[in-house]
Amino acid sequence: MEFSSNPVVLLHKVSIFQDVNTILSDVSFGIEKGEFVYLVGRTGSGKSSLLKTLYADLPLKVGTAQVAGFNIHSLTWKQVPFLRRKIGIVFQDFQLLFDRSVADNLKFVLKATGWSDKSRMKNRISEVLMRVGLDSVANKMPHQLSGGEQQRVVIARALLNEPVILFADEPTGNLDPDVTQGIMDLFQEINNSGTAILMATHNHHILQRFPRRIIKCERGRVLDSAREEFSLLDGI
């Protein structure tokens, strides 16, 4: 179902809904393999709903979309886990399970996405924790980690199945500037290794320090810096 020569995300005349209300209309854009794209816009402009539609947490009712080779508009609920094995999701509020260790948090995701070999799971957990610089925290509980460390665990979790794209919803929103710098350096390294990233952010400093293509949700439309110029001064 995956075609590596095609864009990892491709939307055509999509409408995004919150309940019964249309918040974005006529959304058409693509993201190429290995591309890094920012998603900006005021609170309530539709950023999170757009991301949730792309990873099939919200239904796509109007238009067509392909993500990692899957047709989102015709995806059945039984196919959603297969899509999730091809993508990674990084949340602002971490969404870690606080009743189990870091390793068991990651093992939970591996089991949910079809892994069964205990040795392979242990090795993969070690690999992703080492990649995010946390190879010594596997047996710690989430509450024993700082906010920045918890976010690195979330990124490690998102990398478990070697995704073709990461969807990151305000991943630095709850972090201080020094920690944010480290998280962005990590995202750059992940992107440089070939993983595409679509990252929602309100942080002007990130946009200035790490300039990339920008998609902006504004007044029910999506603006794309690859096609048109627009200002970021009127709120992101």
Protein backbone atom coordinates (compact mmCIF):
# COMPACT_ATOMS: atom_id res chain seq x y z
CA MET A 1 0.00 0.00 0.00
CA GLU A 2 3.00 2.28 0.32
CA PHE A 3 4.67 3.87 -2.70
CA SER A 4 7.97 5.44 -1.71
CA SER A 5 8.17 7.62 -4.84
CA ASN A 6 4.88 9.30 -3.98
CA PRO A 7 4.39 12.08 -1.41
CA VAL A 8 3.97 10.74 2.13
CA VAL A 9 0.97 13.08 2.53
CA LEU A 10 -1.29 14.21 -0.30
CA LEU A 11 -4.57 16.08 0.23
CA HIS A 12 -7.02 17.17 -2.46
CA LYS A 13 -10.00 19.45 -1.78
CA VAL A 14 -10.32 18.27 1.81
CA SER A 15 -12.68 19.82 4.37
CA ILE A 16 -11.88 19.57 8.07
CA PHE A 17 -14.65 19.44 10.66
CA GLN A 18 -15.06 19.99 14.39
CA ASP A 19 -18.26 18.12 15.20
CA VAL A 20 -20.66 19.40 12.50
CA ASN A 21 -18.84 22.67 11.90
CA THR A 22 -16.54 23.10 8.90
CA ILE A 23 -13.34 24.84 10.04
CA LEU A 24 -11.12 24.33 6.97
CA SER A 25 -12.24 24.07 3.34
CA ASP A 26 -10.62 23.21 0.00
CA VAL A 27 -7.39 21.98 1.62
CA SER A 28 -4.90 20.71 -0.96
CA PHE A 29 -1.19 20.14 -0.31
CA GLY A 30 1.47 17.45 -0.32
CA ILE A 31 4.46 16.57 1.84
CA GLU A 32 7.36 14.77 0.20
CA LYS A 33 9.40 11.97 1.71
CA GLY A 34 11.98 13.46 4.08
CA GLU A 35 10.42 16.95 4.08
CA PHE A 36 10.04 19.08 7.25
CA VAL A 37 6.93 21.28 7.30
CA TYR A 38 5.53 23.56 10.02
CA LEU A 39 1.79 23.88 10.66
CA VAL A 40 0.81 27.21 12.20
CA GLY A 41 -2.33 29.20 12.99
CA ARG A 42 -4.24 30.71 15.87
CA THR A 43 -5.81 28.53 18.54
CA GLY A 44 -9.03 27.14 17.09
CA SER A 45 -7.91 27.61 13.49
CA GLY A 46 -7.99 23.87 12.79
CA LYS A 47 -4.38 22.73 13.22
CA SER A 48 -5.05 19.91 15.64
CA SER A 49 -8.16 18.80 13.76
CA LEU A 50 -6.15 18.67 10.54
CA LEU A 51 -3.49 16.53 12.21
CA LYS A 52 -6.11 14.24 13.76
CA THR A 53 -7.71 13.78 10.35
CA LEU A 54 -4.35 12.81 8.86
CA TYR A 55 -3.73 10.11 11.46
CA ALA A 56 -7.36 8.94 11.31
CA ASP A 57 -8.46 10.10 14.75
CA LEU A 58 -11.16 12.17 13.04
CA PRO A 59 -13.11 10.96 9.98
CA LEU A 60 -12.44 12.48 6.56
CA LYS A 61 -15.88 13.34 5.16
CA VAL A 62 -15.04 15.60 2.22
CA GLY A 63 -12.14 15.31 -0.24
CA THR A 64 -9.38 12.75 -0.63
CA ALA A 65 -6.18 12.19 1.33
CA GLN A 66 -3.33 9.74 1.20
CA VAL A 67 -0.99 9.26 4.17
CA ALA A 68 1.91 6.79 4.03
CA GLY A 69 0.21 5.04 1.11
CA PHE A 70 -3.18 4.70 2.82
CA ASN A 71 -6.36 6.30 1.47
CA ILE A 72 -7.69 8.11 4.55
CA HIS A 73 -11.08 8.85 2.95
CA SER A 74 -11.82 5.12 2.54
CA LEU A 75 -9.99 3.81 5.60
CA THR A 76 -11.94 1.39 7.78
CA TRP A 77 -11.49 1.25 11.53
CA LYS A 78 -9.84 -2.15 11.13
CA GLN A 79 -7.17 -0.57 8.89
CA VAL A 80 -6.29 2.26 11.29
CA PRO A 81 -3.71 0.19 13.26
CA PHE A 82 -1.90 -0.57 9.99
CA LEU A 83 -1.73 3.15 9.18
CA ARG A 84 -0.42 3.86 12.68
CA ARG A 85 2.46 1.43 12.10
CA LYS A 86 3.65 3.64 9.24
CA ILE A 87 3.45 6.97 11.07
CA GLY A 88 4.53 8.44 14.41
CA ILE A 89 2.51 10.81 16.61
CA VAL A 90 4.05 13.20 19.15
CA PHE A 91 1.67 14.92 21.57
CA GLN A 92 2.17 18.10 23.60
CA ASP A 93 0.74 16.49 26.75
CA PHE A 94 2.88 13.34 26.39
CA GLN A 95 0.04 10.80 26.98
CA LEU A 96 2.36 8.41 28.75
CA LEU A 97 0.99 5.64 30.98
CA PHE A 98 2.08 6.66 34.48
CA ASP A 99 1.41 3.25 36.07
CA ARG A 100 4.29 1.57 34.23
CA SER A 101 7.95 2.09 33.43
CA VAL A 102 9.32 3.80 30.34
CA ALA A 103 10.21 0.42 28.82
CA ASP A 104 6.73 -0.92 29.50
CA ASN A 105 5.19 2.19 27.90
CA LEU A 106 7.12 1.42 24.74
CA LYS A 107 6.42 -2.31 24.95
CA PHE A 108 2.68 -1.53 25.14
CA VAL A 109 2.89 0.25 21.76
CA LEU A 110 4.94 -2.53 20.16
CA LYS A 111 2.42 -5.16 21.25
CA ALA A 112 -0.46 -3.00 20.02
CA THR A 113 1.17 -2.74 16.60
CA GLY A 114 1.79 -6.45 16.16
CA TRP A 115 5.17 -7.19 17.76
CA SER A 116 5.41 -10.45 19.73
CA ASP A 117 9.08 -11.50 19.97
CA LYS A 118 10.30 -10.43 23.42
CA SER A 119 13.95 -10.23 22.41
CA ARG A 120 13.21 -8.08 19.35
CA MET A 121 11.01 -5.80 21.43
CA LYS A 122 13.71 -5.35 24.07
CA ASN A 123 16.30 -4.55 21.41
CA ARG A 124 14.03 -2.07 19.63
CA ILE A 125 13.21 -0.28 22.89
CA SER A 126 16.94 0.05 23.64
CA GLU A 127 17.56 1.39 20.13
CA VAL A 128 14.96 4.14 20.23
CA LEU A 129 15.83 5.23 23.77
CA MET A 130 19.49 5.47 22.77
CA ARG A 131 18.51 7.50 19.71
CA VAL A 132 16.77 10.12 21.86
CA GLY A 133 19.59 10.16 24.43
CA LEU A 134 17.75 8.30 27.20
CA ASP A 135 19.30 4.84 27.17
CA SER A 136 19.55 4.85 30.99
CA VAL A 137 15.88 5.52 31.84
CA ALA A 138 14.19 2.33 30.63
CA ASN A 139 13.30 1.16 34.14
CA LYS A 140 12.25 4.56 35.47
CA MET A 141 8.64 5.64 35.91
CA PRO A 142 7.45 8.65 33.87
CA HIS A 143 6.95 10.79 37.00
CA GLN A 144 10.66 10.42 37.76
CA LEU A 145 11.57 12.21 34.52
CA SER A 146 11.66 15.91 33.68
CA GLY A 147 9.27 17.37 31.11
CA GLY A 148 11.97 17.35 28.46
CA GLU A 149 12.83 13.73 29.22
CA GLN A 150 9.17 12.74 29.04
CA GLN A 151 8.90 14.39 25.63
CA ARG A 152 11.96 12.47 24.46
CA VAL A 153 10.25 9.25 25.57
CA VAL A 154 7.21 10.29 23.53
CA ILE A 155 9.46 10.84 20.50
CA ALA A 156 11.10 7.45 21.10
CA ARG A 157 7.62 5.90 21.21
CA ALA A 158 6.77 7.56 17.90
CA LEU A 159 9.94 6.12 16.31
CA LEU A 160 9.34 2.50 17.34
CA ASN A 161 7.98 1.35 13.99
CA GLU A 162 10.37 3.42 11.85
CA PRO A 163 7.67 5.77 10.54
CA VAL A 164 7.81 7.51 7.18
CA ILE A 165 6.36 10.66 8.81
CA LEU A 166 6.01 12.13 12.30
CA PHE A 167 2.95 14.23 13.15
CA ALA A 168 3.92 16.48 16.07
CA ASP A 169 1.24 18.62 17.76
CA GLU A 170 2.92 21.45 19.72
CA PRO A 171 5.74 19.15 20.92
CA THR A 172 7.60 21.99 22.66
CA GLY A 173 4.53 23.82 23.97
CA ASN A 174 5.11 22.85 27.62
CA LEU A 175 8.90 23.07 27.61
CA ASP A 176 11.33 25.86 28.53
CA PRO A 177 13.61 27.38 25.84
CA ASP A 178 16.73 25.35 26.66
CA VAL A 179 14.81 22.08 26.57
CA THR A 180 13.01 23.20 23.40
CA GLN A 181 16.37 23.66 21.69
CA GLY A 182 17.34 20.07 22.48
CA ILE A 183 14.02 18.71 21.25
CA MET A 184 14.31 20.66 18.00
CA ASP A 185 17.88 19.40 17.50
CA LEU A 186 16.49 15.88 17.90
CA PHE A 187 13.73 16.55 15.34
CA GLN A 188 16.36 17.87 12.92
CA GLU A 189 18.42 14.70 13.35
CA ILE A 190 15.36 12.49 12.80
CA ASN A 191 14.41 14.49 9.70
CA ASN A 192 17.97 14.36 8.33
CA SER A 193 17.81 10.56 8.55
CA GLY A 194 14.88 10.57 6.12
CA THR A 195 11.72 10.80 8.21
CA ALA A 196 9.26 13.48 7.12
CA ILE A 197 7.85 15.75 9.85
CA LEU A 198 4.68 17.85 10.05
CA MET A 199 4.93 19.92 13.22
CA ALA A 200 2.30 22.25 14.63
CA THR A 201 3.79 25.12 16.63
CA HIS A 202 3.05 28.59 18.05
CA ASN A 203 6.73 29.30 18.66
CA HIS A 204 8.09 32.17 16.50
CA HIS A 205 11.65 31.50 17.70
CA ILE A 206 11.53 27.95 16.31
CA LEU A 207 10.33 29.25 12.93
CA GLN A 208 13.15 31.78 12.84
CA ARG A 209 15.92 29.47 14.09
CA PHE A 210 14.93 26.45 12.00
CA PRO A 211 13.30 27.93 8.87
CA ARG A 212 11.35 25.47 6.75
CA ARG A 213 8.21 25.42 4.62
CA ILE A 214 5.14 26.67 6.50
CA ILE A 215 1.47 25.74 6.16
CA LYS A 216 -0.88 28.19 7.88
CA CYS A 217 -4.50 27.69 8.91
CA GLU A 218 -6.26 31.03 8.62
CA ARG A 219 -9.94 32.00 8.32
CA GLY A 220 -11.03 28.62 7.11
CA ARG A 221 -8.29 28.27 4.53
CA VAL A 222 -4.84 26.72 4.36
CA LEU A 223 -1.98 28.89 3.06
CA ASP A 224 1.25 27.30 1.86
CA SER A 225 4.57 29.17 1.82
CA ALA A 226 5.64 26.99 -1.11
CA ARG A 227 2.91 28.63 -3.23
CA GLU A 228 2.28 32.08 -1.75
CA GLU A 229 3.64 34.69 0.64
CA PHE A 230 1.85 35.47 3.88
CA SER A 231 2.55 37.18 7.17
CA LEU A 232 3.09 35.42 10.47
CA LEU A 233 2.69 38.66 12.42
CA ASP A 234 -1.10 38.44 12.67
CA GLY A 235 -0.96 35.46 14.96
CA ILE A 236 0.09 31.85 14.87
